[in-house]
Amino acid sequence: MTIVLIAIIVLVFYIGLRRQRLRHRQDFILSYVFDPSIDRQLQHTYPHLSPQQRQQVLATLKDYFLFCVMAEYKGLGMLSMPSQAVDEAWHAFILSTKAYDRFCRRAFGYFLHHHPAETMLSPTQATKGIKRTWNLACQHEVINPDTPNRLPRIFALDAQLAIANGFIYHLDCMKANHQESYCGSHIGSGCGGGSCSGDSSADSGCSGGCGGGD
């Protein structure tokens, strides 16, 4: 009986520590101030964006980092990056090598590797990494992932900001009938293969995204 009680206490303590670490990492990401060089790089790459729109891209990059933290906490595997604009901001952040390394250690506990963004395998077939990102983004914005009434911000951003060669998603699958656009409402219910990679890989294939640890 004593051993069982001790085991329960240890388990409760462990769960409490994990939740506390999760909150600390989330708070750190939300309060983090990006170096102005990232905004300048976005301005150079997308000169048509206003300062407010560039800040929207950076805020969505924070969303993605929050998804990575939650994926690690839940043991979901690795995530794909569904936005070209956010991927560009992520790449610009990585160029500040020391700052990015410090950020990663505090936000994730390991260095988060970057790979080029990837979208769905076809207009209606999502990779596993995209599906995980979709589900976490929907949870973050209180959207039903199976029957969404709108797109999560990270999936809607490229179209909203008219990003050249961006990844365009539609809720109406009739509009996603060519190579340049994808059916968002199929992500939560469809199936597909593929992955993204970090320090290690859990799935076959290659895509842009977060995952892995030291």
N, C-alpha and C. Protein backbone atom coordinates (compact mmCIF):
# COMPACT_ATOMS: atom_id res chain seq x y z
N MET A 1 0.84 -1.21 0.00
CA MET A 1 0.00 0.00 0.00
C MET A 1 0.86 1.25 0.00
N THR A 2 1.93 1.22 0.82
CA THR A 2 2.83 2.37 0.89
C THR A 2 3.51 2.60 -0.45
N ILE A 3 3.92 1.52 -1.11
CA ILE A 3 4.58 1.64 -2.41
C ILE A 3 3.64 2.24 -3.44
N VAL A 4 2.38 1.80 -3.42
CA VAL A 4 1.38 2.34 -4.35
C VAL A 4 1.17 3.82 -4.10
N LEU A 5 1.08 4.22 -2.84
CA LEU A 5 0.88 5.63 -2.50
C LEU A 5 2.06 6.47 -2.96
N ILE A 6 3.26 5.96 -2.74
CA ILE A 6 4.46 6.69 -3.19
C ILE A 6 4.46 6.83 -4.71
N ALA A 7 4.08 5.75 -5.40
CA ALA A 7 4.04 5.79 -6.86
C ALA A 7 3.04 6.83 -7.35
N ILE A 8 1.88 6.92 -6.68
CA ILE A 8 0.87 7.91 -7.06
C ILE A 8 1.39 9.32 -6.83
N ILE A 9 2.05 9.55 -5.71
CA ILE A 9 2.60 10.87 -5.40
C ILE A 9 3.65 11.27 -6.43
N VAL A 10 4.52 10.32 -6.76
CA VAL A 10 5.56 10.59 -7.76
C VAL A 10 4.94 10.92 -9.11
N LEU A 11 3.90 10.16 -9.49
CA LEU A 11 3.24 10.39 -10.77
C LEU A 11 2.58 11.77 -10.81
N VAL A 12 1.88 12.12 -9.75
CA VAL A 12 1.23 13.44 -9.68
C VAL A 12 2.26 14.55 -9.74
N PHE A 13 3.37 14.37 -9.04
CA PHE A 13 4.44 15.36 -9.05
C PHE A 13 5.04 15.50 -10.45
N TYR A 14 5.23 14.37 -11.12
CA TYR A 14 5.80 14.38 -12.47
C TYR A 14 4.87 15.09 -13.45
N ILE A 15 3.58 14.78 -13.36
CA ILE A 15 2.60 15.43 -14.24
C ILE A 15 2.57 16.93 -13.99
N GLY A 16 2.63 17.31 -12.72
CA GLY A 16 2.64 18.73 -12.38
C GLY A 16 3.85 19.45 -12.93
N LEU A 17 5.01 18.80 -12.85
CA LEU A 17 6.24 19.40 -13.39
C LEU A 17 6.15 19.57 -14.91
N ARG A 18 5.61 18.57 -15.60
CA ARG A 18 5.47 18.66 -17.06
C ARG A 18 4.53 19.79 -17.45
N ARG A 19 3.43 19.94 -16.73
CA ARG A 19 2.49 21.01 -17.05
C ARG A 19 3.10 22.37 -16.77
N GLN A 20 3.86 22.46 -15.69
CA GLN A 20 4.52 23.72 -15.36
C GLN A 20 5.55 24.08 -16.43
N ARG A 21 6.32 23.10 -16.88
CA ARG A 21 7.30 23.35 -17.93
C ARG A 21 6.61 23.77 -19.23
N LEU A 22 5.47 23.13 -19.54
CA LEU A 22 4.70 23.50 -20.72
C LEU A 22 4.27 24.95 -20.65
N ARG A 23 3.73 25.37 -19.51
CA ARG A 23 3.27 26.76 -19.35
C ARG A 23 4.43 27.73 -19.47
N HIS A 24 5.57 27.40 -18.88
CA HIS A 24 6.74 28.28 -18.96
C HIS A 24 7.20 28.44 -20.41
N ARG A 25 7.21 27.35 -21.15
CA ARG A 25 7.64 27.43 -22.54
C ARG A 25 6.64 28.21 -23.39
N GLN A 26 5.36 28.01 -23.14
CA GLN A 26 4.34 28.76 -23.87
C GLN A 26 4.45 30.25 -23.56
N ASP A 27 4.61 30.59 -22.29
CA ASP A 27 4.73 31.99 -21.90
C ASP A 27 5.97 32.63 -22.52
N PHE A 28 7.06 31.87 -22.56
CA PHE A 28 8.29 32.40 -23.15
C PHE A 28 8.09 32.72 -24.63
N ILE A 29 7.46 31.81 -25.36
CA ILE A 29 7.23 32.04 -26.78
C ILE A 29 6.32 33.24 -27.00
N LEU A 30 5.24 33.33 -26.24
CA LEU A 30 4.29 34.43 -26.41
C LEU A 30 4.90 35.79 -26.11
N SER A 31 5.83 35.84 -25.16
CA SER A 31 6.43 37.11 -24.76
C SER A 31 7.72 37.43 -25.53
N TYR A 32 8.16 36.52 -26.38
CA TYR A 32 9.44 36.71 -27.06
C TYR A 32 9.33 37.86 -28.07
N VAL A 33 10.38 38.66 -28.13
CA VAL A 33 10.44 39.79 -29.07
C VAL A 33 11.46 39.45 -30.15
N PHE A 34 11.00 39.34 -31.38
CA PHE A 34 11.90 39.01 -32.48
C PHE A 34 12.83 40.17 -32.80
N ASP A 35 14.03 39.84 -33.24
CA ASP A 35 14.98 40.85 -33.67
C ASP A 35 14.43 41.58 -34.90
N PRO A 36 14.61 42.90 -35.00
CA PRO A 36 14.11 43.66 -36.15
C PRO A 36 14.62 43.16 -37.49
N SER A 37 15.74 42.45 -37.50
CA SER A 37 16.28 41.94 -38.76
C SER A 37 15.31 40.97 -39.45
N ILE A 38 14.49 40.29 -38.67
CA ILE A 38 13.53 39.35 -39.26
C ILE A 38 12.45 40.12 -40.01
N ASP A 39 11.99 41.20 -39.43
CA ASP A 39 11.00 42.04 -40.10
C ASP A 39 11.58 42.64 -41.37
N ARG A 40 12.85 43.04 -41.31
CA ARG A 40 13.49 43.61 -42.50
C ARG A 40 13.60 42.57 -43.61
N GLN A 41 13.90 41.34 -43.24
CA GLN A 41 13.99 40.29 -44.25
C GLN A 41 12.63 40.02 -44.88
N LEU A 42 11.58 40.04 -44.07
CA LEU A 42 10.24 39.87 -44.61
C LEU A 42 9.88 41.02 -45.56
N GLN A 43 10.26 42.22 -45.19
CA GLN A 43 10.00 43.38 -46.04
C GLN A 43 10.74 43.25 -47.37
N HIS A 44 11.96 42.72 -47.32
CA HIS A 44 12.74 42.53 -48.55
C HIS A 44 12.11 41.46 -49.43
N THR A 45 11.68 40.37 -48.83
CA THR A 45 11.11 39.26 -49.60
C THR A 45 9.71 39.56 -50.10
N TYR A 46 8.91 40.23 -49.26
CA TYR A 46 7.53 40.54 -49.60
C TYR A 46 7.29 42.05 -49.45
N PRO A 47 7.79 42.85 -50.40
CA PRO A 47 7.67 44.31 -50.26
C PRO A 47 6.24 44.82 -50.28
N HIS A 48 5.29 44.00 -50.73
CA HIS A 48 3.90 44.45 -50.77
C HIS A 48 3.21 44.38 -49.41
N LEU A 49 3.85 43.73 -48.43
CA LEU A 49 3.23 43.60 -47.11
C LEU A 49 3.41 44.87 -46.30
N SER A 50 2.37 45.26 -45.59
CA SER A 50 2.44 46.40 -44.68
C SER A 50 3.13 45.98 -43.39
N PRO A 51 3.57 46.94 -42.55
CA PRO A 51 4.15 46.56 -41.25
C PRO A 51 3.21 45.71 -40.42
N GLN A 52 1.92 46.02 -40.47
CA GLN A 52 0.94 45.24 -39.70
C GLN A 52 0.85 43.81 -40.23
N GLN A 53 0.91 43.66 -41.54
CA GLN A 53 0.85 42.31 -42.12
C GLN A 53 2.10 41.51 -41.80
N ARG A 54 3.25 42.17 -41.77
CA ARG A 54 4.48 41.46 -41.39
C ARG A 54 4.42 41.02 -39.94
N GLN A 55 3.83 41.84 -39.09
CA GLN A 55 3.65 41.44 -37.70
C GLN A 55 2.70 40.26 -37.58
N GLN A 56 1.74 40.21 -38.48
CA GLN A 56 0.82 39.06 -38.50
C GLN A 56 1.59 37.78 -38.84
N VAL A 57 2.52 37.87 -39.77
CA VAL A 57 3.35 36.72 -40.11
C VAL A 57 4.16 36.26 -38.90
N LEU A 58 4.76 37.22 -38.19
CA LEU A 58 5.57 36.88 -37.02
C LEU A 58 4.71 36.29 -35.90
N ALA A 59 3.50 36.80 -35.75
CA ALA A 59 2.59 36.25 -34.74
C ALA A 59 2.21 34.81 -35.09
N THR A 60 2.07 34.54 -36.38
CA THR A 60 1.73 33.18 -36.81
C THR A 60 2.92 32.25 -36.65
N LEU A 61 4.13 32.77 -36.79
CA LEU A 61 5.32 31.96 -36.49
C LEU A 61 5.32 31.56 -35.02
N LYS A 62 4.92 32.46 -34.14
CA LYS A 62 4.78 32.11 -32.73
C LYS A 62 3.72 31.01 -32.54
N ASP A 63 2.62 31.12 -33.28
CA ASP A 63 1.61 30.06 -33.23
C ASP A 63 2.24 28.71 -33.54
N TYR A 64 3.02 28.69 -34.60
CA TYR A 64 3.64 27.43 -35.03
C TYR A 64 4.58 26.89 -33.96
N PHE A 65 5.35 27.77 -33.34
CA PHE A 65 6.24 27.33 -32.26
C PHE A 65 5.43 26.77 -31.09
N LEU A 66 4.29 27.39 -30.81
CA LEU A 66 3.41 26.86 -29.75
C LEU A 66 2.90 25.46 -30.12
N PHE A 67 2.60 25.26 -31.39
CA PHE A 67 2.16 23.93 -31.83
C PHE A 67 3.27 22.91 -31.62
N CYS A 68 4.51 23.31 -31.89
CA CYS A 68 5.64 22.40 -31.71
C CYS A 68 5.80 22.01 -30.25
N VAL A 69 5.62 22.97 -29.35
CA VAL A 69 5.70 22.68 -27.92
C VAL A 69 4.60 21.70 -27.52
N MET A 70 3.39 21.94 -28.00
CA MET A 70 2.27 21.07 -27.65
C MET A 70 2.45 19.67 -28.25
N ALA A 71 2.99 19.60 -29.46
CA ALA A 71 3.23 18.30 -30.08
C ALA A 71 4.24 17.50 -29.27
N GLU A 72 5.26 18.17 -28.77
CA GLU A 72 6.26 17.51 -27.93
C GLU A 72 5.61 17.03 -26.63
N TYR A 73 4.78 17.88 -26.04
CA TYR A 73 4.12 17.55 -24.77
C TYR A 73 3.20 16.34 -24.92
N LYS A 74 2.49 16.27 -26.04
CA LYS A 74 1.53 15.19 -26.26
C LYS A 74 2.15 13.97 -26.93
N GLY A 75 3.42 14.09 -27.34
CA GLY A 75 4.06 12.98 -28.02
C GLY A 75 3.44 12.66 -29.36
N LEU A 76 3.08 13.72 -30.11
CA LEU A 76 2.34 13.53 -31.36
C LEU A 76 3.23 13.24 -32.56
N GLY A 77 4.51 13.47 -32.46
CA GLY A 77 5.36 13.37 -33.64
C GLY A 77 5.57 14.74 -34.24
N MET A 78 6.16 14.76 -35.41
CA MET A 78 6.63 16.00 -36.00
C MET A 78 5.59 16.70 -36.86
N LEU A 79 5.77 18.02 -37.00
CA LEU A 79 4.80 18.86 -37.68
C LEU A 79 5.37 19.42 -38.98
N SER A 80 4.49 19.65 -39.94
CA SER A 80 4.87 20.31 -41.19
C SER A 80 4.51 21.79 -41.12
N MET A 81 5.20 22.57 -41.92
CA MET A 81 4.94 24.01 -42.02
C MET A 81 4.06 24.27 -43.23
N PRO A 82 2.81 24.74 -43.04
CA PRO A 82 1.88 24.90 -44.16
C PRO A 82 1.86 26.29 -44.80
N SER A 83 2.75 27.19 -44.39
CA SER A 83 2.74 28.55 -44.91
C SER A 83 4.11 28.96 -45.42
N GLN A 84 4.18 29.44 -46.65
CA GLN A 84 5.45 29.93 -47.20
C GLN A 84 5.89 31.21 -46.50
N ALA A 85 4.95 32.10 -46.18
CA ALA A 85 5.31 33.36 -45.53
C ALA A 85 5.89 33.11 -44.14
N VAL A 86 5.26 32.24 -43.37
CA VAL A 86 5.75 31.93 -42.04
C VAL A 86 7.08 31.19 -42.13
N ASP A 87 7.22 30.33 -43.12
CA ASP A 87 8.48 29.62 -43.32
C ASP A 87 9.61 30.60 -43.62
N GLU A 88 9.33 31.63 -44.38
CA GLU A 88 10.35 32.65 -44.68
C GLU A 88 10.77 33.37 -43.40
N ALA A 89 9.81 33.68 -42.54
CA ALA A 89 10.14 34.32 -41.26
C ALA A 89 10.98 33.39 -40.39
N TRP A 90 10.62 32.12 -40.38
CA TRP A 90 11.38 31.13 -39.61
C TRP A 90 12.83 31.06 -40.10
N HIS A 91 12.99 31.01 -41.43
CA HIS A 91 14.33 30.95 -42.01
C HIS A 91 15.13 32.20 -41.64
N ALA A 92 14.50 33.37 -41.68
CA ALA A 92 15.19 34.61 -41.32
C ALA A 92 15.61 34.59 -39.85
N PHE A 93 14.78 34.01 -39.00
CA PHE A 93 15.11 33.89 -37.58
C PHE A 93 16.35 33.01 -37.39
N ILE A 94 16.42 31.93 -38.13
CA ILE A 94 17.54 31.00 -38.00
C ILE A 94 18.87 31.66 -38.38
N LEU A 95 18.82 32.64 -39.28
CA LEU A 95 20.04 33.32 -39.68
C LEU A 95 20.70 34.05 -38.52
N SER A 96 19.92 34.42 -37.51
CA SER A 96 20.48 34.96 -36.26
C SER A 96 20.82 33.76 -35.38
N THR A 97 21.93 33.11 -35.72
CA THR A 97 22.23 31.77 -35.20
C THR A 97 22.21 31.69 -33.68
N LYS A 98 22.92 32.58 -33.02
CA LYS A 98 23.02 32.51 -31.56
C LYS A 98 21.67 32.79 -30.91
N ALA A 99 20.97 33.80 -31.42
CA ALA A 99 19.66 34.15 -30.85
C ALA A 99 18.68 32.99 -31.04
N TYR A 100 18.72 32.37 -32.21
CA TYR A 100 17.81 31.26 -32.47
C TYR A 100 18.13 30.06 -31.59
N ASP A 101 19.41 29.79 -31.40
CA ASP A 101 19.80 28.68 -30.53
C ASP A 101 19.33 28.91 -29.10
N ARG A 102 19.51 30.14 -28.59
CA ARG A 102 19.06 30.45 -27.23
C ARG A 102 17.54 30.31 -27.13
N PHE A 103 16.85 30.81 -28.15
CA PHE A 103 15.39 30.70 -28.16
C PHE A 103 14.96 29.24 -28.11
N CYS A 104 15.56 28.41 -28.95
CA CYS A 104 15.18 27.00 -29.01
C CYS A 104 15.39 26.29 -27.68
N ARG A 105 16.51 26.56 -27.05
CA ARG A 105 16.80 25.87 -25.79
C ARG A 105 15.76 26.19 -24.73
N ARG A 106 15.29 27.44 -24.71
CA ARG A 106 14.29 27.83 -23.71
C ARG A 106 12.87 27.44 -24.14
N ALA A 107 12.60 27.51 -25.43
CA ALA A 107 11.24 27.24 -25.90
C ALA A 107 10.95 25.75 -26.03
N PHE A 108 11.96 24.96 -26.44
CA PHE A 108 11.72 23.55 -26.74
C PHE A 108 12.59 22.59 -25.93
N GLY A 109 13.73 23.09 -25.47
CA GLY A 109 14.66 22.20 -24.78
C GLY A 109 15.63 21.52 -25.72
N TYR A 110 15.56 21.85 -27.00
CA TYR A 110 16.48 21.30 -28.00
C TYR A 110 16.48 22.24 -29.20
N PHE A 111 17.46 22.06 -30.08
CA PHE A 111 17.55 22.90 -31.28
C PHE A 111 16.54 22.41 -32.32
N LEU A 112 15.68 23.31 -32.73
CA LEU A 112 14.63 22.97 -33.69
C LEU A 112 15.15 23.21 -35.11
N HIS A 113 15.38 22.14 -35.84
CA HIS A 113 15.92 22.26 -37.20
C HIS A 113 14.84 22.71 -38.18
N HIS A 114 15.29 23.45 -39.17
CA HIS A 114 14.39 23.96 -40.20
C HIS A 114 14.61 23.20 -41.51
N HIS A 115 13.50 22.93 -42.19
CA HIS A 115 13.54 22.34 -43.52
C HIS A 115 12.51 23.10 -44.36
N PRO A 116 12.68 23.12 -45.68
CA PRO A 116 11.74 23.87 -46.54
C PRO A 116 10.30 23.46 -46.30
N ALA A 117 9.40 24.43 -46.41
CA ALA A 117 7.97 24.17 -46.18
C ALA A 117 7.43 23.17 -47.19
N GLU A 118 6.40 22.45 -46.77
CA GLU A 118 5.76 21.48 -47.66
C GLU A 118 4.26 21.52 -47.43
N THR A 119 3.53 21.32 -48.49
CA THR A 119 2.08 21.30 -48.36
C THR A 119 1.55 19.88 -48.56
N MET A 120 0.31 19.75 -48.95
CA MET A 120 -0.33 18.45 -49.08
C MET A 120 0.21 17.68 -50.28
N LEU A 121 0.04 16.36 -50.24
CA LEU A 121 0.50 15.50 -51.33
C LEU A 121 -0.28 15.77 -52.62
N SER A 122 -1.55 16.12 -52.46
CA SER A 122 -2.43 16.45 -53.58
C SER A 122 -3.48 17.41 -53.03
N PRO A 123 -4.34 17.98 -53.88
CA PRO A 123 -5.35 18.91 -53.37
C PRO A 123 -6.21 18.36 -52.24
N THR A 124 -6.35 17.03 -52.13
CA THR A 124 -7.21 16.46 -51.09
C THR A 124 -6.52 15.42 -50.22
N GLN A 125 -5.21 15.26 -50.33
CA GLN A 125 -4.49 14.26 -49.54
C GLN A 125 -3.38 14.92 -48.73
N ALA A 126 -3.50 14.86 -47.41
CA ALA A 126 -2.56 15.54 -46.52
C ALA A 126 -1.51 14.57 -45.99
N THR A 127 -0.30 15.08 -45.78
CA THR A 127 0.73 14.30 -45.11
C THR A 127 0.42 14.22 -43.62
N LYS A 128 1.07 13.31 -42.93
CA LYS A 128 0.86 13.19 -41.49
C LYS A 128 1.27 14.48 -40.78
N GLY A 129 2.38 15.08 -41.23
CA GLY A 129 2.84 16.31 -40.59
C GLY A 129 1.86 17.45 -40.75
N ILE A 130 1.25 17.56 -41.94
CA ILE A 130 0.24 18.59 -42.18
C ILE A 130 -0.99 18.32 -41.32
N LYS A 131 -1.40 17.07 -41.21
CA LYS A 131 -2.58 16.73 -40.41
C LYS A 131 -2.36 17.09 -38.94
N ARG A 132 -1.15 16.83 -38.43
CA ARG A 132 -0.87 17.18 -37.04
C ARG A 132 -0.92 18.69 -36.84
N THR A 133 -0.32 19.42 -37.78
CA THR A 133 -0.35 20.88 -37.67
C THR A 133 -1.79 21.39 -37.74
N TRP A 134 -2.57 20.83 -38.64
CA TRP A 134 -3.98 21.22 -38.78
C TRP A 134 -4.73 21.01 -37.46
N ASN A 135 -4.58 19.84 -36.88
CA ASN A 135 -5.31 19.53 -35.65
C ASN A 135 -4.91 20.45 -34.50
N LEU A 136 -3.62 20.73 -34.36
CA LEU A 136 -3.17 21.61 -33.29
C LEU A 136 -3.59 23.05 -33.54
N ALA A 137 -3.56 23.48 -34.81
CA ALA A 137 -4.00 24.84 -35.14
C ALA A 137 -5.49 25.00 -34.88
N CYS A 138 -6.27 23.98 -35.22
CA CYS A 138 -7.71 24.04 -34.94
C CYS A 138 -7.97 24.07 -33.44
N GLN A 139 -7.25 23.26 -32.70
CA GLN A 139 -7.40 23.27 -31.24
C GLN A 139 -7.05 24.64 -30.68
N HIS A 140 -6.00 25.24 -31.19
CA HIS A 140 -5.53 26.54 -30.72
C HIS A 140 -6.59 27.62 -30.94
N GLU A 141 -7.32 27.52 -32.06
CA GLU A 141 -8.30 28.55 -32.42
C GLU A 141 -9.74 28.09 -32.20
N VAL A 142 -9.91 26.98 -31.49
CA VAL A 142 -11.24 26.44 -31.16
C VAL A 142 -12.06 26.24 -32.44
N ILE A 143 -11.50 25.46 -33.35
CA ILE A 143 -12.16 25.09 -34.60
C ILE A 143 -12.30 23.57 -34.61
N ASN A 144 -13.45 23.10 -35.05
CA ASN A 144 -13.62 21.65 -35.21
C ASN A 144 -12.76 21.19 -36.38
N PRO A 145 -11.76 20.34 -36.15
CA PRO A 145 -10.85 19.95 -37.23
C PRO A 145 -11.51 19.11 -38.32
N ASP A 146 -12.60 18.42 -37.99
CA ASP A 146 -13.28 17.56 -38.96
C ASP A 146 -14.31 18.32 -39.78
N THR A 147 -14.97 19.30 -39.16
CA THR A 147 -15.97 20.11 -39.86
C THR A 147 -15.69 21.58 -39.59
N PRO A 148 -14.60 22.11 -40.11
CA PRO A 148 -14.21 23.49 -39.80
C PRO A 148 -15.15 24.50 -40.46
N ASN A 149 -15.39 25.60 -39.74
CA ASN A 149 -16.18 26.69 -40.32
C ASN A 149 -15.29 27.81 -40.84
N ARG A 150 -14.00 27.68 -40.63
CA ARG A 150 -13.01 28.62 -41.16
C ARG A 150 -11.65 27.95 -41.10
N LEU A 151 -10.70 28.53 -41.81
CA LEU A 151 -9.34 28.00 -41.80
C LEU A 151 -8.57 28.56 -40.62
N PRO A 152 -7.73 27.75 -39.97
CA PRO A 152 -6.82 28.31 -38.97
C PRO A 152 -5.88 29.32 -39.63
N ARG A 153 -5.42 30.26 -38.85
CA ARG A 153 -4.63 31.37 -39.39
C ARG A 153 -3.44 30.90 -40.21
N ILE A 154 -2.71 29.91 -39.74
CA ILE A 154 -1.49 29.49 -40.43
C ILE A 154 -1.80 28.86 -41.79
N PHE A 155 -3.01 28.35 -41.97
CA PHE A 155 -3.42 27.78 -43.26
C PHE A 155 -4.06 28.84 -44.17
N ALA A 156 -4.54 29.91 -43.61
CA ALA A 156 -5.20 30.95 -44.39
C ALA A 156 -4.26 32.08 -44.81
N LEU A 157 -3.11 32.17 -44.15
CA LEU A 157 -2.27 33.37 -44.25
C LEU A 157 -1.76 33.65 -45.65
N ASP A 158 -1.22 32.65 -46.35
CA ASP A 158 -0.62 32.90 -47.66
C ASP A 158 -1.63 33.48 -48.64
N ALA A 159 -2.86 32.97 -48.61
CA ALA A 159 -3.90 33.50 -49.49
C ALA A 159 -4.30 34.91 -49.08
N GLN A 160 -4.46 35.14 -47.78
CA GLN A 160 -4.86 36.46 -47.29
C GLN A 160 -3.84 37.53 -47.65
N LEU A 161 -2.56 37.16 -47.63
CA LEU A 161 -1.50 38.14 -47.87
C LEU A 161 -0.99 38.12 -49.31
N ALA A 162 -1.64 37.36 -50.17
CA ALA A 162 -1.27 37.27 -51.59
C ALA A 162 0.22 36.95 -51.75
N ILE A 163 0.66 35.89 -51.07
CA ILE A 163 2.06 35.48 -51.11
C ILE A 163 2.34 34.75 -52.42
N ALA A 164 3.34 35.22 -53.15
CA ALA A 164 3.73 34.57 -54.40
C ALA A 164 4.18 33.14 -54.12
N ASN A 165 3.65 32.20 -54.88
CA ASN A 165 3.96 30.77 -54.71
C ASN A 165 3.57 30.26 -53.32
N GLY A 166 2.63 30.95 -52.70
CA GLY A 166 2.18 30.52 -51.38
C GLY A 166 1.30 29.29 -51.46
N PHE A 167 1.03 28.71 -50.29
CA PHE A 167 0.17 27.54 -50.20
C PHE A 167 -1.26 28.01 -49.94
N ILE A 168 -2.14 27.75 -50.88
CA ILE A 168 -3.50 28.27 -50.82
C ILE A 168 -4.47 27.15 -50.44
N TYR A 169 -5.19 27.36 -49.35
CA TYR A 169 -6.16 26.38 -48.86
C TYR A 169 -7.57 26.95 -48.96
N HIS A 170 -8.53 26.08 -49.22
CA HIS A 170 -9.94 26.47 -49.27
C HIS A 170 -10.76 25.53 -48.38
N LEU A 171 -11.78 26.05 -47.75
CA LEU A 171 -12.75 25.18 -47.09
C LEU A 171 -13.63 24.49 -48.12
N ASP A 172 -13.96 25.23 -49.18
CA ASP A 172 -14.78 24.68 -50.25
C ASP A 172 -13.89 23.85 -51.17
N CYS A 173 -14.05 22.54 -51.10
CA CYS A 173 -13.17 21.65 -51.87
C CYS A 173 -13.37 21.78 -53.38
N MET A 174 -14.49 22.32 -53.81
CA MET A 174 -14.70 22.53 -55.24
C MET A 174 -13.73 23.57 -55.79
N LYS A 175 -13.23 24.45 -54.90
CA LYS A 175 -12.27 25.46 -55.33
C LYS A 175 -10.85 24.92 -55.35
N ALA A 176 -10.64 23.80 -54.69
CA ALA A 176 -9.30 23.22 -54.60
C ALA A 176 -9.13 22.13 -55.64
N ASN A 177 -9.36 22.49 -56.90
CA ASN A 177 -9.36 21.47 -57.95
C ASN A 177 -8.20 21.63 -58.92
N HIS A 178 -7.16 22.32 -58.51
CA HIS A 178 -5.98 22.45 -59.36
C HIS A 178 -4.74 22.45 -58.47
N GLN A 179 -3.57 22.40 -59.06
CA GLN A 179 -2.34 22.20 -58.31
C GLN A 179 -2.00 23.35 -57.37
N GLU A 180 -2.54 24.53 -57.62
CA GLU A 180 -2.14 25.69 -56.83
C GLU A 180 -2.95 25.85 -55.55
N SER A 181 -3.95 25.02 -55.30
CA SER A 181 -4.74 25.17 -54.09
C SER A 181 -5.08 23.81 -53.51
N TYR A 182 -5.48 23.82 -52.22
CA TYR A 182 -5.67 22.58 -51.48
C TYR A 182 -6.94 22.65 -50.66
N CYS A 183 -7.51 21.50 -50.39
CA CYS A 183 -8.77 21.41 -49.67
C CYS A 183 -8.51 21.29 -48.17
N GLY A 184 -8.74 22.36 -47.44
CA GLY A 184 -8.49 22.35 -46.01
C GLY A 184 -9.41 21.42 -45.25
N SER A 185 -10.67 21.32 -45.66
CA SER A 185 -11.62 20.50 -44.91
C SER A 185 -11.35 19.01 -45.05
N HIS A 186 -10.50 18.61 -45.99
CA HIS A 186 -10.13 17.20 -46.13
C HIS A 186 -9.01 16.82 -45.17
N ILE A 187 -8.31 17.79 -44.60
CA ILE A 187 -7.13 17.48 -43.80
C ILE A 187 -7.52 16.72 -42.54
N GLY A 188 -8.57 17.16 -41.88
CA GLY A 188 -8.95 16.53 -40.62
C GLY A 188 -9.56 15.16 -40.78
N SER A 189 -10.07 14.84 -41.98
CA SER A 189 -10.74 13.56 -42.17
C SER A 189 -10.04 12.64 -43.15
N GLY A 190 -9.18 13.21 -44.01
CA GLY A 190 -8.49 12.40 -45.00
C GLY A 190 -7.31 11.68 -44.39
N CYS A 191 -6.57 10.96 -45.23
CA CYS A 191 -5.39 10.26 -44.75
C CYS A 191 -4.29 10.40 -45.77
N GLY A 192 -3.06 10.35 -45.30
CA GLY A 192 -1.93 10.43 -46.21
C GLY A 192 -0.66 10.14 -45.49
N GLY A 193 0.41 9.97 -46.25
CA GLY A 193 1.71 9.66 -45.66
C GLY A 193 2.63 10.84 -45.73
N GLY A 194 3.85 10.66 -45.22
CA GLY A 194 4.84 11.71 -45.26
C GLY A 194 5.15 12.20 -43.88
N SER A 195 6.13 13.08 -43.77
CA SER A 195 6.55 13.56 -42.46
C SER A 195 7.37 14.81 -42.59
N CYS A 196 7.77 15.34 -41.43
CA CYS A 196 8.78 16.37 -41.38
C CYS A 196 9.88 15.88 -40.48
N SER A 197 11.00 16.55 -40.48
CA SER A 197 12.11 16.02 -39.71
C SER A 197 12.76 17.07 -38.86
N GLY A 198 13.22 16.64 -37.68
CA GLY A 198 14.00 17.50 -36.81
C GLY A 198 15.31 16.80 -36.55
N ASP A 199 15.63 16.58 -35.27
CA ASP A 199 16.84 15.84 -34.95
C ASP A 199 16.68 14.36 -35.24
N SER A 200 15.44 13.90 -35.31
CA SER A 200 15.18 12.50 -35.64
C SER A 200 13.92 12.45 -36.47
N SER A 201 13.66 11.33 -37.10
CA SER A 201 12.49 11.21 -37.97
C SER A 201 11.64 10.03 -37.55
N ALA A 202 10.32 10.28 -37.44
CA ALA A 202 9.41 9.22 -37.02
C ALA A 202 8.66 8.62 -38.19
N ASP A 203 8.57 9.36 -39.33
CA ASP A 203 7.83 8.88 -40.48
C ASP A 203 8.75 8.82 -41.68
N SER A 204 8.28 8.18 -42.75
CA SER A 204 9.05 8.18 -43.98
C SER A 204 8.79 9.45 -44.74
N GLY A 205 9.72 9.83 -45.63
CA GLY A 205 9.54 11.01 -46.44
C GLY A 205 10.20 12.21 -45.83
N CYS A 206 10.02 13.38 -46.48
CA CYS A 206 10.68 14.60 -46.03
C CYS A 206 9.75 15.77 -46.23
N SER A 207 9.70 16.65 -45.25
CA SER A 207 8.90 17.86 -45.36
C SER A 207 9.41 18.90 -44.41
N GLY A 208 8.86 20.12 -44.53
CA GLY A 208 9.30 21.19 -43.65
C GLY A 208 8.57 21.12 -42.34
N GLY A 209 9.25 21.35 -41.23
CA GLY A 209 8.56 21.36 -39.97
C GLY A 209 9.44 21.16 -38.78
N CYS A 210 8.79 20.89 -37.65
CA CYS A 210 9.50 20.79 -36.39
C CYS A 210 9.38 19.40 -35.83
N GLY A 211 10.30 19.08 -34.96
CA GLY A 211 10.23 17.80 -34.28
C GLY A 211 11.60 17.29 -33.92
N GLY A 212 11.63 16.34 -33.03
CA GLY A 212 12.88 15.73 -32.62
C GLY A 212 13.48 16.44 -31.44
N GLY A 213 14.50 15.88 -30.87
CA GLY A 213 15.16 16.49 -29.74
C GLY A 213 16.51 15.87 -29.53
N ASP A 214 17.28 16.47 -28.62
CA ASP A 214 18.61 15.95 -28.35
C ASP A 214 18.53 14.76 -27.42
